[in-house]
Protein backbone atom coordinates (compact mmCIF):
# COMPACT_ATOMS: atom_id res chain seq x y z
CA MET A 1 5.70 -16.14 0.17
CA GLU A 2 4.48 -15.76 -2.91
CA LEU A 3 3.37 -12.17 -4.34
CA LEU A 4 -0.43 -12.72 -4.64
CA ASP A 5 -0.59 -14.46 -1.24
CA ALA A 6 1.85 -11.23 0.32
CA LEU A 7 -0.74 -9.03 -1.78
CA SER A 8 -3.65 -10.98 -0.35
CA GLN A 9 -2.16 -10.76 3.29
CA THR A 10 -1.52 -7.04 3.04
CA PHE A 11 -4.79 -6.12 2.16
CA ASP A 12 -6.23 -8.17 5.05
CA HIS A 13 -4.26 -6.07 7.44
CA ALA A 14 -4.82 -3.04 5.56
CA ALA A 15 -8.63 -3.27 5.80
CA LYS A 16 -8.59 -3.84 9.33
CA ILE A 17 -6.35 -0.64 10.05
CA VAL A 18 -8.85 1.15 8.18
CA SER A 19 -11.54 -0.11 9.61
CA GLY A 20 -10.06 0.71 13.00
CA VAL A 21 -10.00 4.59 12.25
CA GLN A 22 -12.34 6.47 13.99
CA THR A 23 -14.39 9.41 12.13
CA ASP A 24 -12.95 11.99 14.56
CA GLN A 25 -9.22 10.63 13.51
CA LEU A 26 -9.71 11.28 9.87
CA GLY A 27 -8.13 14.96 10.12
CA GLU A 28 -4.76 14.05 12.08
CA THR A 29 -1.36 14.07 10.21
CA THR A 30 0.54 11.43 9.22
CA PRO A 31 3.79 10.25 8.33
CA CYS A 32 3.00 11.58 4.68
CA ARG A 33 3.58 15.22 5.35
CA GLU A 34 1.07 16.40 3.03
CA TRP A 35 -1.97 14.33 3.85
CA ASP A 36 -4.27 14.06 6.91
CA VAL A 37 -5.57 10.38 7.60
CA ARG A 38 -9.17 11.08 5.40
CA THR A 39 -6.87 12.13 2.49
CA LEU A 40 -4.42 9.48 2.77
CA VAL A 41 -7.30 6.37 2.88
CA ALA A 42 -8.69 8.01 -0.23
CA HIS A 43 -5.38 7.80 -1.75
CA THR A 44 -4.71 4.72 -0.73
CA MET A 45 -8.37 3.58 -1.74
CA GLY A 46 -7.89 4.75 -5.26
CA VAL A 47 -4.50 3.36 -5.98
CA ILE A 48 -6.15 -0.31 -5.06
CA VAL A 49 -8.93 0.64 -7.41
CA ASN A 50 -6.53 1.51 -10.13
CA MET A 51 -4.66 -1.61 -9.57
CA GLY A 52 -7.61 -3.50 -9.96
CA ARG A 53 -8.76 -1.60 -13.04
CA GLY A 54 -5.13 -2.08 -14.86
CA ALA A 55 -5.39 -5.83 -13.93
CA ARG A 56 -8.58 -5.92 -15.84
CA GLY A 57 -8.04 -3.55 -18.47
CA GLU A 58 -10.20 -1.11 -17.39
CA GLN A 59 -9.73 2.50 -17.76
CA LEU A 60 -8.31 3.95 -14.81
CA LEU A 61 -9.16 6.34 -12.40
CA GLU A 62 -8.29 10.26 -13.61
CA ARG A 63 -7.33 10.87 -10.05
CA ALA A 64 -6.44 8.23 -7.55
CA SER A 65 -8.51 9.09 -4.83
CA LEU A 66 -12.13 8.17 -3.93
CA PRO A 67 -14.41 10.00 -1.64
CA LEU A 68 -15.08 8.09 1.24
CA ASP A 69 -18.42 6.49 2.00
CA ALA A 70 -19.95 6.76 5.28
CA ASP A 71 -18.56 3.03 6.19
CA PHE A 72 -15.06 3.66 4.80
CA GLY A 73 -13.73 0.18 6.39
CA ALA A 74 -16.34 -1.86 4.69
CA GLN A 75 -15.57 0.38 1.41
CA PHE A 76 -12.23 -0.29 1.20
CA ARG A 77 -12.56 -4.20 2.18
CA ALA A 78 -14.91 -3.96 -1.08
CA GLU A 79 -12.32 -2.55 -3.52
CA THR A 80 -9.00 -4.78 -2.12
CA ASP A 81 -11.50 -7.83 -2.68
CA ARG A 82 -12.42 -6.53 -6.04
CA THR A 83 -8.62 -5.59 -7.03
CA LEU A 84 -7.38 -9.06 -5.45
CA ALA A 85 -9.84 -11.14 -8.04
CA ALA A 86 -8.46 -9.00 -10.61
CA TRP A 87 -5.00 -9.78 -9.78
CA THR A 88 -5.73 -13.66 -9.16
CA ALA A 89 -7.67 -13.66 -12.70
CA HIS A 90 -5.23 -12.16 -14.43
CA GLY A 91 -1.79 -13.68 -13.27
CA LEU A 92 1.49 -12.70 -12.91
CA GLU A 93 2.39 -12.98 -16.53
CA GLY A 94 1.89 -10.25 -19.27
CA ASP A 95 1.69 -6.61 -19.26
CA VAL A 96 -0.80 -4.30 -17.41
CA ASN A 97 -1.25 -0.35 -17.23
CA VAL A 98 -1.75 0.50 -13.71
CA GLY A 99 -0.92 4.17 -14.62
CA ALA A 100 2.71 4.59 -15.58
CA GLY A 101 1.97 3.20 -19.30
CA PRO A 102 2.62 -0.64 -19.83
CA MET A 103 4.60 -2.74 -17.42
CA PRO A 104 4.72 -6.21 -16.44
CA ALA A 105 2.23 -7.56 -13.93
CA ARG A 106 4.44 -9.02 -11.55
CA ALA A 107 6.07 -5.42 -11.26
CA ALA A 108 2.64 -3.74 -10.79
CA ILE A 109 1.85 -6.11 -8.42
CA SER A 110 5.11 -5.66 -6.83
CA ILE A 111 4.14 -2.03 -6.26
CA ASN A 112 0.61 -2.40 -5.32
CA LEU A 113 2.13 -4.25 -2.29
CA VAL A 114 4.72 -1.74 -1.74
CA ASP A 115 2.41 0.97 -1.69
CA SER A 116 -0.70 -0.49 0.14
CA THR A 117 1.71 -1.21 2.78
CA THR A 118 3.66 1.57 3.62
CA HIS A 119 0.41 3.52 3.75
CA THR A 120 -1.33 1.11 5.82
CA TRP A 121 1.53 1.66 8.48
CA ASP A 122 1.31 5.46 8.00
CA ILE A 123 -2.42 5.20 8.72
CA ALA A 124 -1.83 3.04 11.42
CA ARG A 125 0.66 5.27 12.99
CA ALA A 126 -1.50 8.09 12.53
CA THR A 127 -4.60 6.86 14.50
CA GLY A 128 -2.57 5.08 16.87
CA GLN A 129 -3.05 1.10 16.09
CA ASP A 130 -0.80 -1.29 16.21
CA GLU A 131 1.72 -0.61 13.23
CA ARG A 132 3.38 -4.34 12.86
CA LEU A 133 2.86 -6.46 10.26
CA PRO A 134 3.46 -10.31 10.40
CA ASP A 135 6.83 -11.36 10.21
CA GLU A 136 7.20 -13.19 7.26
CA LEU A 137 5.01 -10.66 5.62
CA ALA A 138 6.96 -7.70 6.28
CA ALA A 139 10.40 -9.80 5.34
CA THR A 140 8.55 -10.58 1.90
CA VAL A 141 7.57 -6.81 1.45
CA LEU A 142 10.96 -5.77 2.42
CA GLU A 143 12.63 -8.02 -0.14
CA VAL A 144 10.12 -6.89 -2.85
CA GLY A 145 10.82 -3.22 -2.19
CA ARG A 146 14.37 -3.36 -2.79
CA GLY A 147 13.97 -5.41 -5.76
CA PHE A 148 12.54 -1.84 -7.34
CA VAL A 149 12.82 1.20 -4.97
CA SER A 150 16.05 2.96 -5.89
CA ASP A 151 17.42 6.41 -5.34
CA ASP A 152 15.94 7.81 -8.47
CA LEU A 153 12.32 6.27 -7.85
CA ARG A 154 12.49 7.83 -4.09
CA LYS A 155 12.81 11.41 -5.83
CA VAL A 156 9.90 10.62 -7.93
CA VAL A 157 7.70 9.30 -5.46
CA GLY A 158 8.77 11.17 -2.30
CA PHE A 159 10.27 8.45 -0.45
CA ASP A 160 12.74 9.69 2.23
CA PRO A 161 16.16 7.73 2.21
CA PRO A 162 16.27 5.12 4.27
CA ARG A 163 16.70 5.14 7.96
CA PRO A 164 19.17 3.35 10.11
CA VAL A 165 17.50 0.73 12.45
CA GLY A 166 19.76 -1.38 15.08
CA PRO A 167 20.48 -5.08 14.59
CA ASP A 168 17.42 -5.91 16.57
CA ALA A 169 14.87 -4.51 14.79
CA SER A 170 11.68 -6.09 13.79
CA PRO A 171 10.92 -7.01 10.34
CA THR A 172 8.26 -4.27 9.74
CA GLU A 173 10.63 -1.84 11.69
CA GLN A 174 13.24 -2.45 8.81
CA LEU A 175 10.74 -2.29 6.18
CA VAL A 176 9.39 0.95 7.07
CA ALA A 177 13.11 2.58 7.68
CA PHE A 178 14.07 1.06 4.08
CA LEU A 179 11.07 3.34 2.85
CA GLY A 180 12.21 6.46 4.83
CA ARG A 181 9.88 6.37 7.82
CA GLN A 182 11.27 6.57 11.25
CA PRO A 183 9.89 3.29 13.17
């Protein structure tokens, strides 16, 4: 699966999950130990916004977090649409700065893909929604993640070490276990 197609599918899935969050769930704990649902949604949206700004060559938000509108599901969808349009216009070639200095666009899109997928799973888990990604998408994100999520990076971004899964684990379970979550 192509990176932009995978990102588009991830954003569709993420928007569905975020739209399914009820306001009384915003204070619930998440697999990201230090963040509740509200903070994680705001962070995930802020990262997505900065990715789009980086793809457009715009100044990034100082803090990768956004205040949530009353209809944060629609707000999230609008931001994912804007960022996907920016990546589509930019393409996979050239460099962008999405907060860590200039890097190849392909690497930045890969980070956007893995980060968005991971936090969508976290939000779904915290709010009792279906956590599963389509199998082909989960397999693609796992392959992309294996391409850059090293032990050193895990220490920097706070991913726990990979967790073991059985041979019958679904692609989503394999992905989240690789990213240090308990499927």
